[in-house]
Amino acid sequence: MKRFLRLCAAIVVVFIAAGCMATTKTQQPDQNDVQTGYPGKWEQATLTEDEFGFKLIVVRQNDEKWVLESKTTCFWTRQLVGRTVWLRWGPVESFLMNDQGQICEFWTGERME
């Protein structure tokens, strides 16, 4: 039984580590496109809802609300609900970045009214 529990704990640690590695790092949100490799400009946005890192609602600086659906699981977004994050919005895909420079990729969903 103890071996089974240790095995389960090891599997959980591997999945968490794999999710952390799914994010990429950048230095500053004001880097140009050549350095980061992501199109568009970074803007501040408010993360208002998070459904376990899979589906987010963000409010852009122009007060538009958008649904973002994750390409990969983003573990840090749940901790930032109600706070400001960096958003690189696009009509098909968008990117969120936290203050540590971790970036998660999202499909841009529908605009909410």
C-alpha atoms as a PDB file:
ATOM      1  CA  MET A   1       0.000   0.000   0.000  1.00  0.00           C
ATOM      2  CA  LYS A   2       2.842   2.381   0.840  1.00  0.00           C
ATOM      3  CA  ARG A   3       4.465   1.693  -2.524  1.00  0.00           C
ATOM      4  CA  PHE A   4       1.210   2.467  -4.276  1.00  0.00           C
ATOM      5  CA  LEU A   5       0.840   5.795  -2.439  1.00  0.00           C
ATOM      6  CA  ARG A   6       4.431   6.748  -3.256  1.00  0.00           C
ATOM      7  CA  LEU A   7       3.835   5.887  -6.893  1.00  0.00           C
ATOM      8  CA  CYS A   8       0.686   8.052  -6.951  1.00  0.00           C
ATOM      9  CA  ALA A   9       2.564  10.939  -5.320  1.00  0.00           C
ATOM     10  CA  ALA A  10       5.367  10.627  -7.885  1.00  0.00           C
ATOM     11  CA  ILE A  11       2.868  10.692 -10.752  1.00  0.00           C
ATOM     12  CA  VAL A  12       1.230  13.857  -9.373  1.00  0.00           C
ATOM     13  CA  VAL A  13       4.629  15.559  -9.078  1.00  0.00           C
ATOM     14  CA  VAL A  14       5.460  14.632 -12.690  1.00  0.00           C
ATOM     15  CA  PHE A  15       2.166  16.083 -13.968  1.00  0.00           C
ATOM     16  CA  ILE A  16       2.669  19.320 -12.028  1.00  0.00           C
ATOM     17  CA  ALA A  17       6.236  19.638 -13.286  1.00  0.00           C
ATOM     18  CA  ALA A  18       5.088  19.000 -16.857  1.00  0.00           C
ATOM     19  CA  GLY A  19       2.488  21.775 -16.557  1.00  0.00           C
ATOM     20  CA  CYS A  20       5.086  24.194 -15.228  1.00  0.00           C
ATOM     21  CA  MET A  21       7.347  23.393 -18.156  1.00  0.00           C
ATOM     22  CA  ALA A  22       4.516  24.102 -20.598  1.00  0.00           C
ATOM     23  CA  THR A  23       4.953  27.812 -19.982  1.00  0.00           C
ATOM     24  CA  THR A  24       7.741  29.829 -21.547  1.00  0.00           C
ATOM     25  CA  LYS A  25       9.625  32.753 -20.107  1.00  0.00           C
ATOM     26  CA  THR A  26      10.258  36.250 -21.414  1.00  0.00           C
ATOM     27  CA  GLN A  27      12.081  39.131 -19.804  1.00  0.00           C
ATOM     28  CA  GLN A  28       9.783  42.146 -20.071  1.00  0.00           C
ATOM     29  CA  PRO A  29       6.371  42.804 -21.587  1.00  0.00           C
ATOM     30  CA  ASP A  30       7.771  45.704 -23.615  1.00  0.00           C
ATOM     31  CA  GLN A  31      10.126  43.551 -25.693  1.00  0.00           C
ATOM     32  CA  ASN A  32       9.671  43.779 -29.422  1.00  0.00           C
ATOM     33  CA  ASP A  33       8.182  40.955 -31.486  1.00  0.00           C
ATOM     34  CA  VAL A  34      11.543  39.703 -32.775  1.00  0.00           C
ATOM     35  CA  GLN A  35      12.772  38.919 -29.255  1.00  0.00           C
ATOM     36  CA  THR A  36       9.640  37.245 -27.887  1.00  0.00           C
ATOM     37  CA  GLY A  37       8.393  35.622 -31.093  1.00  0.00           C
ATOM     38  CA  TYR A  38       4.755  36.540 -30.339  1.00  0.00           C
ATOM     39  CA  PRO A  39       2.850  38.941 -32.663  1.00  0.00           C
ATOM     40  CA  GLY A  40       1.091  42.036 -31.345  1.00  0.00           C
ATOM     41  CA  LYS A  41       1.716  44.259 -28.342  1.00  0.00           C
ATOM     42  CA  TRP A  42       1.399  43.503 -24.648  1.00  0.00           C
ATOM     43  CA  GLU A  43      -1.348  45.315 -22.776  1.00  0.00           C
ATOM     44  CA  GLN A  44      -2.565  45.144 -19.213  1.00  0.00           C
ATOM     45  CA  ALA A  45      -5.822  43.272 -18.680  1.00  0.00           C
ATOM     46  CA  THR A  46      -7.844  42.167 -15.670  1.00  0.00           C
ATOM     47  CA  LEU A  47      -8.411  38.453 -15.215  1.00  0.00           C
ATOM     48  CA  THR A  48     -11.986  38.200 -13.918  1.00  0.00           C
ATOM     49  CA  GLU A  49     -12.782  34.460 -14.079  1.00  0.00           C
ATOM     50  CA  ASP A  50     -10.843  31.221 -14.286  1.00  0.00           C
ATOM     51  CA  GLU A  51     -12.224  27.727 -14.787  1.00  0.00           C
ATOM     52  CA  PHE A  52      -9.211  25.690 -13.656  1.00  0.00           C
ATOM     53  CA  GLY A  53      -6.849  27.227 -16.227  1.00  0.00           C
ATOM     54  CA  PHE A  54      -8.897  25.986 -19.185  1.00  0.00           C
ATOM     55  CA  LYS A  55     -11.324  28.857 -19.778  1.00  0.00           C
ATOM     56  CA  LEU A  56     -10.685  32.447 -18.687  1.00  0.00           C
ATOM     57  CA  ILE A  57     -12.500  35.747 -18.947  1.00  0.00           C
ATOM     58  CA  VAL A  58     -10.337  38.849 -19.293  1.00  0.00           C
ATOM     59  CA  VAL A  59     -11.216  42.523 -19.516  1.00  0.00           C
ATOM     60  CA  ARG A  60      -8.954  44.449 -21.899  1.00  0.00           C
ATOM     61  CA  GLN A  61      -7.925  48.087 -21.472  1.00  0.00           C
ATOM     62  CA  ASN A  62     -10.686  49.145 -23.893  1.00  0.00           C
ATOM     63  CA  ASP A  63     -13.238  47.472 -21.527  1.00  0.00           C
ATOM     64  CA  GLU A  64     -13.954  44.587 -23.920  1.00  0.00           C
ATOM     65  CA  LYS A  65     -14.558  41.236 -22.196  1.00  0.00           C
ATOM     66  CA  TRP A  66     -13.166  38.172 -23.935  1.00  0.00           C
ATOM     67  CA  VAL A  67     -13.280  34.441 -23.301  1.00  0.00           C
ATOM     68  CA  LEU A  68      -9.905  32.719 -23.668  1.00  0.00           C
ATOM     69  CA  GLU A  69      -9.673  28.922 -23.962  1.00  0.00           C
ATOM     70  CA  SER A  70      -6.339  27.349 -23.103  1.00  0.00           C
ATOM     71  CA  LYS A  71      -4.164  25.437 -25.518  1.00  0.00           C
ATOM     72  CA  THR A  72      -2.326  23.954 -22.534  1.00  0.00           C
ATOM     73  CA  THR A  73      -3.164  23.972 -18.841  1.00  0.00           C
ATOM     74  CA  CYS A  74      -2.029  27.162 -17.172  1.00  0.00           C
ATOM     75  CA  PHE A  75      -1.594  26.552 -13.449  1.00  0.00           C
ATOM     76  CA  TRP A  76      -0.846  30.117 -12.296  1.00  0.00           C
ATOM     77  CA  THR A  77      -3.937  31.902 -13.658  1.00  0.00           C
ATOM     78  CA  ARG A  78      -6.241  30.781 -10.830  1.00  0.00           C
ATOM     79  CA  GLN A  79      -4.051  32.679  -8.352  1.00  0.00           C
ATOM     80  CA  LEU A  80      -4.432  35.942 -10.306  1.00  0.00           C
ATOM     81  CA  VAL A  81      -8.235  36.201 -10.574  1.00  0.00           C
ATOM     82  CA  GLY A  82      -9.220  39.820  -9.919  1.00  0.00           C
ATOM     83  CA  ARG A  83      -5.710  41.063 -10.633  1.00  0.00           C
ATOM     84  CA  THR A  84      -3.901  42.609 -13.556  1.00  0.00           C
ATOM     85  CA  VAL A  85      -1.989  40.411 -16.010  1.00  0.00           C
ATOM     86  CA  TRP A  86      -0.220  41.082 -19.291  1.00  0.00           C
ATOM     87  CA  LEU A  87      -2.246  40.172 -22.394  1.00  0.00           C
ATOM     88  CA  ARG A  88      -1.128  39.876 -25.988  1.00  0.00           C
ATOM     89  CA  TRP A  89      -4.509  39.707 -27.716  1.00  0.00           C
ATOM     90  CA  GLY A  90      -5.082  38.313 -31.183  1.00  0.00           C
ATOM     91  CA  PRO A  91      -8.261  37.457 -33.124  1.00  0.00           C
ATOM     92  CA  VAL A  92      -7.335  33.742 -33.207  1.00  0.00           C
ATOM     93  CA  GLU A  93      -4.903  33.218 -30.339  1.00  0.00           C
ATOM     94  CA  SER A  94      -3.860  35.248 -27.309  1.00  0.00           C
ATOM     95  CA  PHE A  95      -1.146  35.027 -24.675  1.00  0.00           C
ATOM     96  CA  LEU A  96      -1.155  35.823 -20.964  1.00  0.00           C
ATOM     97  CA  MET A  97       1.962  36.613 -18.970  1.00  0.00           C
ATOM     98  CA  ASN A  98       2.367  36.918 -15.212  1.00  0.00           C
ATOM     99  CA  ASP A  99       4.865  39.116 -13.350  1.00  0.00           C
ATOM    100  CA  GLN A 100       7.421  36.289 -13.308  1.00  0.00           C
ATOM    101  CA  GLY A 101       7.440  36.233 -17.112  1.00  0.00           C
ATOM    102  CA  GLN A 102       5.613  32.919 -17.530  1.00  0.00           C
ATOM    103  CA  ILE A 103       3.494  32.839 -20.684  1.00  0.00           C
ATOM    104  CA  CYS A 104       0.480  30.650 -21.429  1.00  0.00           C
ATOM    105  CA  GLU A 105      -1.154  30.323 -24.836  1.00  0.00           C
ATOM    106  CA  PHE A 106      -4.914  30.562 -25.372  1.00  0.00           C
ATOM    107  CA  TRP A 107      -7.406  30.365 -28.207  1.00  0.00           C
ATOM    108  CA  THR A 108      -9.330  33.626 -28.430  1.00  0.00           C
ATOM    109  CA  GLY A 109     -12.996  32.827 -27.884  1.00  0.00           C
ATOM    110  CA  GLU A 110     -16.053  35.004 -28.185  1.00  0.00           C
ATOM    111  CA  ARG A 111     -16.449  38.589 -27.073  1.00  0.00           C
ATOM    112  CA  MET A 112     -18.864  39.026 -24.206  1.00  0.00           C
ATOM    113  CA  GLU A 113     -21.313  41.895 -23.896  1.00  0.00           C
END
